[in-house]
Amino acid sequence: MSRYVLLGGRTGEPLSFGGKVLVHTDRNEMEWLFPKTRVIRITDGDFGQPTMRLQDHPDLRHVRFPLRREDFT
């Protein structure tokens, strides 16, 4: 299964919370939620950092996944 991360605009480093890199399995959802942020695909083999699923971030607990875009109108 593919996973994706957000890259910081200034640093180019994966964005994290609490020392864990934020990951998600749906690139389109990530790009829709964060439209001006670069999203890249990662694999387990080339990414040896602790991760947190995007939907587990405390500021996103009110968001239902998979996304329903009509929830944002």
N, C-alpha and C. Protein backbone atom coordinates (compact mmCIF):
# COMPACT_ATOMS: atom_id res chain seq x y z
N MET A 1 0.84 -1.18 0.00
CA MET A 1 0.00 0.00 0.00
C MET A 1 0.89 1.25 0.00
N SER A 2 0.57 2.18 -0.85
CA SER A 2 1.32 3.42 -0.91
C SER A 2 0.95 4.33 0.24
N ARG A 3 1.95 5.09 0.69
CA ARG A 3 1.71 6.12 1.70
C ARG A 3 2.33 7.41 1.19
N TYR A 4 1.79 8.51 1.67
CA TYR A 4 2.22 9.83 1.21
C TYR A 4 2.50 10.72 2.41
N VAL A 5 3.42 11.66 2.21
CA VAL A 5 3.75 12.63 3.25
C VAL A 5 3.69 14.04 2.67
N LEU A 6 3.49 15.01 3.55
CA LEU A 6 3.53 16.42 3.19
C LEU A 6 4.94 16.93 3.42
N LEU A 7 5.43 17.77 2.51
CA LEU A 7 6.76 18.36 2.68
C LEU A 7 6.61 19.83 3.04
N GLY A 8 7.40 20.27 4.01
CA GLY A 8 7.40 21.67 4.41
C GLY A 8 7.88 22.56 3.27
N GLY A 9 7.22 23.70 3.10
CA GLY A 9 7.55 24.61 2.01
C GLY A 9 8.93 25.22 2.11
N ARG A 10 9.39 25.49 3.31
CA ARG A 10 10.69 26.12 3.50
C ARG A 10 11.81 25.10 3.64
N THR A 11 11.54 24.04 4.38
CA THR A 11 12.61 23.08 4.68
C THR A 11 12.67 21.93 3.69
N GLY A 12 11.54 21.61 3.07
CA GLY A 12 11.50 20.44 2.19
C GLY A 12 11.49 19.14 2.97
N GLU A 13 11.38 19.23 4.29
CA GLU A 13 11.36 18.05 5.15
C GLU A 13 9.92 17.59 5.37
N PRO A 14 9.71 16.29 5.61
CA PRO A 14 8.37 15.80 5.91
C PRO A 14 7.80 16.48 7.15
N LEU A 15 6.52 16.86 7.09
CA LEU A 15 5.86 17.49 8.22
C LEU A 15 5.53 16.45 9.27
N SER A 16 5.69 16.86 10.52
CA SER A 16 5.50 15.90 11.62
C SER A 16 4.71 16.54 12.75
N PHE A 17 4.28 15.69 13.67
CA PHE A 17 3.60 16.12 14.89
C PHE A 17 4.08 15.21 16.00
N GLY A 18 4.58 15.79 17.07
CA GLY A 18 5.05 14.99 18.19
C GLY A 18 6.17 14.04 17.82
N GLY A 19 7.01 14.44 16.87
CA GLY A 19 8.13 13.60 16.46
C GLY A 19 7.77 12.50 15.49
N LYS A 20 6.51 12.47 15.03
CA LYS A 20 6.07 11.45 14.08
C LYS A 20 5.66 12.12 12.78
N VAL A 21 6.15 11.58 11.67
CA VAL A 21 5.83 12.11 10.36
C VAL A 21 4.40 11.76 10.00
N LEU A 22 3.66 12.77 9.51
CA LEU A 22 2.26 12.57 9.13
C LEU A 22 2.18 11.86 7.79
N VAL A 23 1.45 10.75 7.76
CA VAL A 23 1.30 9.96 6.54
C VAL A 23 -0.18 9.72 6.25
N HIS A 24 -0.47 9.48 4.98
CA HIS A 24 -1.85 9.17 4.57
C HIS A 24 -1.78 8.26 3.35
N THR A 25 -2.81 7.46 3.15
CA THR A 25 -2.81 6.51 2.03
C THR A 25 -3.47 7.06 0.77
N ASP A 26 -4.08 8.23 0.84
CA ASP A 26 -4.78 8.79 -0.32
C ASP A 26 -4.18 10.14 -0.70
N ARG A 27 -3.41 10.14 -1.77
CA ARG A 27 -2.75 11.37 -2.21
C ARG A 27 -3.75 12.47 -2.54
N ASN A 28 -4.84 12.12 -3.22
CA ASN A 28 -5.84 13.12 -3.60
C ASN A 28 -6.45 13.80 -2.38
N GLU A 29 -6.73 13.03 -1.34
CA GLU A 29 -7.28 13.64 -0.12
C GLU A 29 -6.26 14.58 0.51
N MET A 30 -5.02 14.16 0.57
CA MET A 30 -3.98 15.00 1.16
C MET A 30 -3.82 16.31 0.37
N GLU A 31 -3.79 16.20 -0.95
CA GLU A 31 -3.65 17.39 -1.79
C GLU A 31 -4.87 18.29 -1.68
N TRP A 32 -6.03 17.73 -1.48
CA TRP A 32 -7.23 18.53 -1.36
C TRP A 32 -7.26 19.27 -0.01
N LEU A 33 -6.86 18.58 1.06
CA LEU A 33 -6.84 19.21 2.38
C LEU A 33 -5.75 20.27 2.51
N PHE A 34 -4.62 20.07 1.83
CA PHE A 34 -3.47 20.96 1.92
C PHE A 34 -3.03 21.35 0.51
N PRO A 35 -3.82 22.20 -0.16
CA PRO A 35 -3.63 22.45 -1.59
C PRO A 35 -2.30 23.08 -1.99
N LYS A 36 -1.64 23.79 -1.12
CA LYS A 36 -0.39 24.46 -1.51
C LYS A 36 0.83 23.77 -0.92
N THR A 37 0.65 22.52 -0.51
CA THR A 37 1.73 21.77 0.11
C THR A 37 2.12 20.60 -0.79
N ARG A 38 3.41 20.41 -0.95
CA ARG A 38 3.89 19.31 -1.80
C ARG A 38 3.67 17.97 -1.10
N VAL A 39 3.17 17.00 -1.85
CA VAL A 39 2.91 15.66 -1.36
C VAL A 39 3.78 14.69 -2.14
N ILE A 40 4.48 13.80 -1.42
CA ILE A 40 5.29 12.79 -2.11
C ILE A 40 4.95 11.40 -1.59
N ARG A 41 5.19 10.41 -2.43
CA ARG A 41 4.97 9.01 -2.08
C ARG A 41 6.19 8.49 -1.35
N ILE A 42 5.96 7.68 -0.31
CA ILE A 42 7.07 7.04 0.40
C ILE A 42 6.81 5.54 0.43
N THR A 43 7.85 4.79 0.71
CA THR A 43 7.71 3.35 0.91
C THR A 43 8.34 3.00 2.24
N ASP A 44 7.96 1.88 2.80
CA ASP A 44 8.53 1.46 4.07
C ASP A 44 10.03 1.28 3.97
N GLY A 45 10.51 0.82 2.83
CA GLY A 45 11.92 0.54 2.66
C GLY A 45 12.81 1.77 2.69
N ASP A 46 12.28 2.94 2.29
CA ASP A 46 13.13 4.13 2.25
C ASP A 46 12.74 5.17 3.28
N PHE A 47 11.98 4.77 4.30
CA PHE A 47 11.50 5.74 5.27
C PHE A 47 11.56 5.14 6.66
N GLY A 48 12.64 5.38 7.38
CA GLY A 48 12.84 4.76 8.68
C GLY A 48 12.50 5.65 9.85
N GLN A 49 11.46 6.47 9.75
CA GLN A 49 11.06 7.37 10.83
C GLN A 49 9.71 6.95 11.39
N PRO A 50 9.45 7.26 12.68
CA PRO A 50 8.12 6.97 13.22
C PRO A 50 7.05 7.80 12.48
N THR A 51 5.89 7.23 12.30
CA THR A 51 4.82 7.91 11.56
C THR A 51 3.54 7.99 12.38
N MET A 52 2.67 8.90 11.96
CA MET A 52 1.33 9.05 12.51
C MET A 52 0.38 9.20 11.33
N ARG A 53 -0.71 8.44 11.36
CA ARG A 53 -1.71 8.60 10.30
C ARG A 53 -2.30 10.00 10.38
N LEU A 54 -2.54 10.61 9.24
CA LEU A 54 -3.10 11.96 9.19
C LEU A 54 -4.38 12.05 10.00
N GLN A 55 -5.24 11.05 9.91
CA GLN A 55 -6.52 11.08 10.62
C GLN A 55 -6.35 10.96 12.13
N ASP A 56 -5.16 10.61 12.62
CA ASP A 56 -4.91 10.53 14.05
C ASP A 56 -4.38 11.84 14.64
N HIS A 57 -4.11 12.83 13.79
CA HIS A 57 -3.65 14.13 14.28
C HIS A 57 -4.79 14.77 15.08
N PRO A 58 -4.51 15.29 16.28
CA PRO A 58 -5.58 15.83 17.13
C PRO A 58 -6.40 16.94 16.47
N ASP A 59 -5.79 17.75 15.61
CA ASP A 59 -6.54 18.83 14.96
C ASP A 59 -7.44 18.34 13.83
N LEU A 60 -7.32 17.06 13.46
CA LEU A 60 -8.15 16.51 12.38
C LEU A 60 -9.16 15.49 12.89
N ARG A 61 -9.33 15.39 14.19
CA ARG A 61 -10.24 14.37 14.71
C ARG A 61 -11.71 14.62 14.33
N HIS A 62 -12.04 15.84 13.97
CA HIS A 62 -13.41 16.15 13.54
C HIS A 62 -13.66 15.82 12.07
N VAL A 63 -12.60 15.49 11.35
CA VAL A 63 -12.72 15.17 9.93
C VAL A 63 -12.98 13.68 9.75
N ARG A 64 -13.96 13.37 8.93
CA ARG A 64 -14.30 11.97 8.65
C ARG A 64 -13.52 11.48 7.44
N PHE A 65 -12.91 10.32 7.57
CA PHE A 65 -12.17 9.69 6.47
C PHE A 65 -12.85 8.38 6.11
N PRO A 66 -12.96 8.03 4.82
CA PRO A 66 -12.52 8.83 3.69
C PRO A 66 -13.29 10.13 3.61
N LEU A 67 -12.64 11.14 3.04
CA LEU A 67 -13.23 12.48 2.98
C LEU A 67 -14.52 12.48 2.18
N ARG A 68 -15.43 13.29 2.66
CA ARG A 68 -16.64 13.62 1.91
C ARG A 68 -16.56 15.12 1.70
N ARG A 69 -16.25 15.52 0.51
CA ARG A 69 -16.01 16.94 0.25
C ARG A 69 -17.21 17.80 0.55
N GLU A 70 -18.39 17.22 0.49
CA GLU A 70 -19.59 18.01 0.82
C GLU A 70 -19.62 18.39 2.30
N ASP A 71 -18.84 17.70 3.13
CA ASP A 71 -18.74 18.08 4.55
C ASP A 71 -18.02 19.40 4.74
N PHE A 72 -17.37 19.91 3.69
CA PHE A 72 -16.56 21.12 3.80
C PHE A 72 -17.20 22.33 3.13
N THR A 73 -18.45 22.24 2.76
CA THR A 73 -19.10 23.37 2.08
C THR A 73 -19.72 24.32 3.06
